[in-house]
Amino acid sequence: MRLKLTKKQLAVLNYLQDFAEENGYSPSYREIMAGLGLSSVSAVAEHIDNLVAKGVLKKVPGAARSLEVLDYKHEETVELFKIRMETATEEQKKVLEEAAEILGLDFGV
């Protein structure tokens, strides 16, 4: 189970991570546009909205520079899914598998 991102979405995500690591805060939409050579702020907003919908990015509505890349691939998270799968009912397993797919986790079930 791998999260499917477009090349542009991956570029936006990588840019966000790099910018935040270097500056201690997330870039503005205009900085993302300039940094990636995108044509408009609305193109950036569309990519951001799609990344939020896929669950790999978090933003606080109405707050500036509030973009946060989410990482659900920590060993602890994967281990929790594995443990829970061991005792889950069939219905619960389906829900856990769907959640893992949304989060882009591969826990080898």
C-alpha atoms as a PDB file:
ATOM      1  CA  MET A   1       0.000   0.000   0.000  1.00  0.00           C
ATOM      2  CA  ARG A   2       1.642   3.188  -1.155  1.00  0.00           C
ATOM      3  CA  LEU A   3       0.184   6.652  -1.213  1.00  0.00           C
ATOM      4  CA  LYS A   4      -0.174   7.857  -4.775  1.00  0.00           C
ATOM      5  CA  LEU A   5       1.090  11.382  -5.309  1.00  0.00           C
ATOM      6  CA  THR A   6       1.623  13.180  -8.604  1.00  0.00           C
ATOM      7  CA  LYS A   7       5.088  14.494  -9.450  1.00  0.00           C
ATOM      8  CA  LYS A   8       3.937  18.059  -8.729  1.00  0.00           C
ATOM      9  CA  GLN A   9       2.389  17.043  -5.397  1.00  0.00           C
ATOM     10  CA  LEU A  10       5.605  15.307  -4.413  1.00  0.00           C
ATOM     11  CA  ALA A  11       7.592  18.399  -5.447  1.00  0.00           C
ATOM     12  CA  VAL A  12       5.329  20.621  -3.314  1.00  0.00           C
ATOM     13  CA  LEU A  13       5.652  18.254  -0.359  1.00  0.00           C
ATOM     14  CA  ASN A  14       9.446  18.101  -0.650  1.00  0.00           C
ATOM     15  CA  TYR A  15       9.663  21.885  -1.011  1.00  0.00           C
ATOM     16  CA  LEU A  16       7.529  22.348   2.116  1.00  0.00           C
ATOM     17  CA  GLN A  17       9.710  19.976   4.134  1.00  0.00           C
ATOM     18  CA  ASP A  18      12.970  21.556   2.970  1.00  0.00           C
ATOM     19  CA  PHE A  19      11.730  25.114   3.510  1.00  0.00           C
ATOM     20  CA  ALA A  20      10.407  24.350   7.010  1.00  0.00           C
ATOM     21  CA  GLU A  21      13.665  22.628   8.006  1.00  0.00           C
ATOM     22  CA  GLU A  22      15.729  25.606   6.824  1.00  0.00           C
ATOM     23  CA  ASN A  23      13.493  28.393   8.168  1.00  0.00           C
ATOM     24  CA  GLY A  24      11.565  26.934  11.092  1.00  0.00           C
ATOM     25  CA  TYR A  25       8.199  27.816   9.539  1.00  0.00           C
ATOM     26  CA  SER A  26       6.283  26.853   6.411  1.00  0.00           C
ATOM     27  CA  PRO A  27       6.448  28.864   3.174  1.00  0.00           C
ATOM     28  CA  SER A  28       3.691  31.104   1.890  1.00  0.00           C
ATOM     29  CA  TYR A  29       1.803  30.086  -1.237  1.00  0.00           C
ATOM     30  CA  ARG A  30       3.709  32.752  -3.190  1.00  0.00           C
ATOM     31  CA  GLU A  31       7.043  31.366  -1.958  1.00  0.00           C
ATOM     32  CA  ILE A  32       5.974  27.874  -3.049  1.00  0.00           C
ATOM     33  CA  MET A  33       4.912  29.250  -6.435  1.00  0.00           C
ATOM     34  CA  ALA A  34       8.255  31.017  -6.941  1.00  0.00           C
ATOM     35  CA  GLY A  35      10.318  28.163  -5.531  1.00  0.00           C
ATOM     36  CA  LEU A  36       8.760  25.579  -7.837  1.00  0.00           C
ATOM     37  CA  GLY A  37       8.177  27.786 -10.863  1.00  0.00           C
ATOM     38  CA  LEU A  38       4.416  27.281 -10.783  1.00  0.00           C
ATOM     39  CA  SER A  39       2.200  29.560 -12.852  1.00  0.00           C
ATOM     40  CA  SER A  40      -0.148  30.887 -10.167  1.00  0.00           C
ATOM     41  CA  VAL A  41      -1.047  30.918  -6.506  1.00  0.00           C
ATOM     42  CA  SER A  42      -4.257  29.077  -7.389  1.00  0.00           C
ATOM     43  CA  ALA A  43      -2.157  26.210  -8.795  1.00  0.00           C
ATOM     44  CA  VAL A  44      -0.340  26.043  -5.460  1.00  0.00           C
ATOM     45  CA  ALA A  45      -3.656  26.137  -3.571  1.00  0.00           C
ATOM     46  CA  GLU A  46      -4.991  23.262  -5.666  1.00  0.00           C
ATOM     47  CA  HIS A  47      -1.936  21.111  -4.918  1.00  0.00           C
ATOM     48  CA  ILE A  48      -2.134  22.003  -1.209  1.00  0.00           C
ATOM     49  CA  ASP A  49      -5.846  21.140  -1.057  1.00  0.00           C
ATOM     50  CA  ASN A  50      -5.216  17.794  -2.762  1.00  0.00           C
ATOM     51  CA  LEU A  51      -2.378  16.982  -0.349  1.00  0.00           C
ATOM     52  CA  VAL A  52      -4.603  17.846   2.610  1.00  0.00           C
ATOM     53  CA  ALA A  53      -7.338  15.604   1.178  1.00  0.00           C
ATOM     54  CA  LYS A  54      -4.835  12.752   0.852  1.00  0.00           C
ATOM     55  CA  GLY A  55      -3.877  13.194   4.486  1.00  0.00           C
ATOM     56  CA  VAL A  56      -0.198  14.013   4.022  1.00  0.00           C
ATOM     57  CA  LEU A  57      -0.493  17.701   4.796  1.00  0.00           C
ATOM     58  CA  LYS A  58      -2.215  19.642   7.549  1.00  0.00           C
ATOM     59  CA  LYS A  59      -3.173  23.305   7.479  1.00  0.00           C
ATOM     60  CA  VAL A  60      -4.921  25.592   9.914  1.00  0.00           C
ATOM     61  CA  PRO A  61      -7.664  27.490   8.067  1.00  0.00           C
ATOM     62  CA  GLY A  62      -7.219  31.251   8.258  1.00  0.00           C
ATOM     63  CA  ALA A  63      -3.696  31.012   9.685  1.00  0.00           C
ATOM     64  CA  ALA A  64      -0.630  32.108   7.748  1.00  0.00           C
ATOM     65  CA  ARG A  65       2.278  29.708   7.289  1.00  0.00           C
ATOM     66  CA  SER A  66       0.416  26.869   8.971  1.00  0.00           C
ATOM     67  CA  LEU A  67       1.270  24.034   6.561  1.00  0.00           C
ATOM     68  CA  GLU A  68       2.623  20.920   8.243  1.00  0.00           C
ATOM     69  CA  VAL A  69       3.785  17.781   6.478  1.00  0.00           C
ATOM     70  CA  LEU A  70       2.404  14.741   8.294  1.00  0.00           C
ATOM     71  CA  ASP A  71       4.457  11.575   8.560  1.00  0.00           C
ATOM     72  CA  TYR A  72       2.463   8.485   9.422  1.00  0.00           C
ATOM     73  CA  LYS A  73       5.223   6.057   8.539  1.00  0.00           C
ATOM     74  CA  HIS A  74       6.902   6.006  11.937  1.00  0.00           C
ATOM     75  CA  GLU A  75       7.766   2.536  13.162  1.00  0.00           C
ATOM     76  CA  GLU A  76       5.558   3.060  16.214  1.00  0.00           C
ATOM     77  CA  THR A  77       2.501   3.751  14.060  1.00  0.00           C
ATOM     78  CA  VAL A  78       3.077   0.707  11.881  1.00  0.00           C
ATOM     79  CA  GLU A  79       3.622  -1.434  14.976  1.00  0.00           C
ATOM     80  CA  LEU A  80       0.349  -0.207  16.519  1.00  0.00           C
ATOM     81  CA  PHE A  81      -1.505  -1.183  13.358  1.00  0.00           C
ATOM     82  CA  LYS A  82       0.082  -4.645  13.427  1.00  0.00           C
ATOM     83  CA  ILE A  83      -0.832  -5.204  17.075  1.00  0.00           C
ATOM     84  CA  ARG A  84      -4.410  -4.031  16.543  1.00  0.00           C
ATOM     85  CA  MET A  85      -4.802  -6.247  13.451  1.00  0.00           C
ATOM     86  CA  GLU A  86      -3.974  -9.333  15.536  1.00  0.00           C
ATOM     87  CA  THR A  87      -7.093  -8.967  17.685  1.00  0.00           C
ATOM     88  CA  ALA A  88      -9.432  -7.183  15.289  1.00  0.00           C
ATOM     89  CA  THR A  89     -12.670  -8.658  13.984  1.00  0.00           C
ATOM     90  CA  GLU A  90     -13.047  -9.023  10.221  1.00  0.00           C
ATOM     91  CA  GLU A  91     -15.040  -5.788  10.074  1.00  0.00           C
ATOM     92  CA  GLN A  92     -12.423  -3.954  12.138  1.00  0.00           C
ATOM     93  CA  LYS A  93      -9.647  -5.327   9.929  1.00  0.00           C
ATOM     94  CA  LYS A  94     -11.332  -3.860   6.858  1.00  0.00           C
ATOM     95  CA  VAL A  95     -11.505  -0.447   8.553  1.00  0.00           C
ATOM     96  CA  LEU A  96      -7.866  -0.701   9.671  1.00  0.00           C
ATOM     97  CA  GLU A  97      -6.753  -1.707   6.183  1.00  0.00           C
ATOM     98  CA  GLU A  98      -8.616   1.248   4.664  1.00  0.00           C
ATOM     99  CA  ALA A  99      -7.083   3.607   7.237  1.00  0.00           C
ATOM    100  CA  ALA A 100      -3.608   2.223   6.552  1.00  0.00           C
ATOM    101  CA  GLU A 101      -4.095   2.722   2.831  1.00  0.00           C
ATOM    102  CA  ILE A 102      -5.214   6.316   3.344  1.00  0.00           C
ATOM    103  CA  LEU A 103      -2.189   6.941   5.572  1.00  0.00           C
ATOM    104  CA  GLY A 104       0.158   5.287   3.085  1.00  0.00           C
ATOM    105  CA  LEU A 105       1.235   2.604   5.541  1.00  0.00           C
ATOM    106  CA  ASP A 106       2.513  -0.761   4.461  1.00  0.00           C
ATOM    107  CA  PHE A 107       2.365  -3.094   7.420  1.00  0.00           C
ATOM    108  CA  GLY A 108       2.551  -6.330   5.481  1.00  0.00           C
ATOM    109  CA  VAL A 109      -0.777  -7.914   6.340  1.00  0.00           C
END
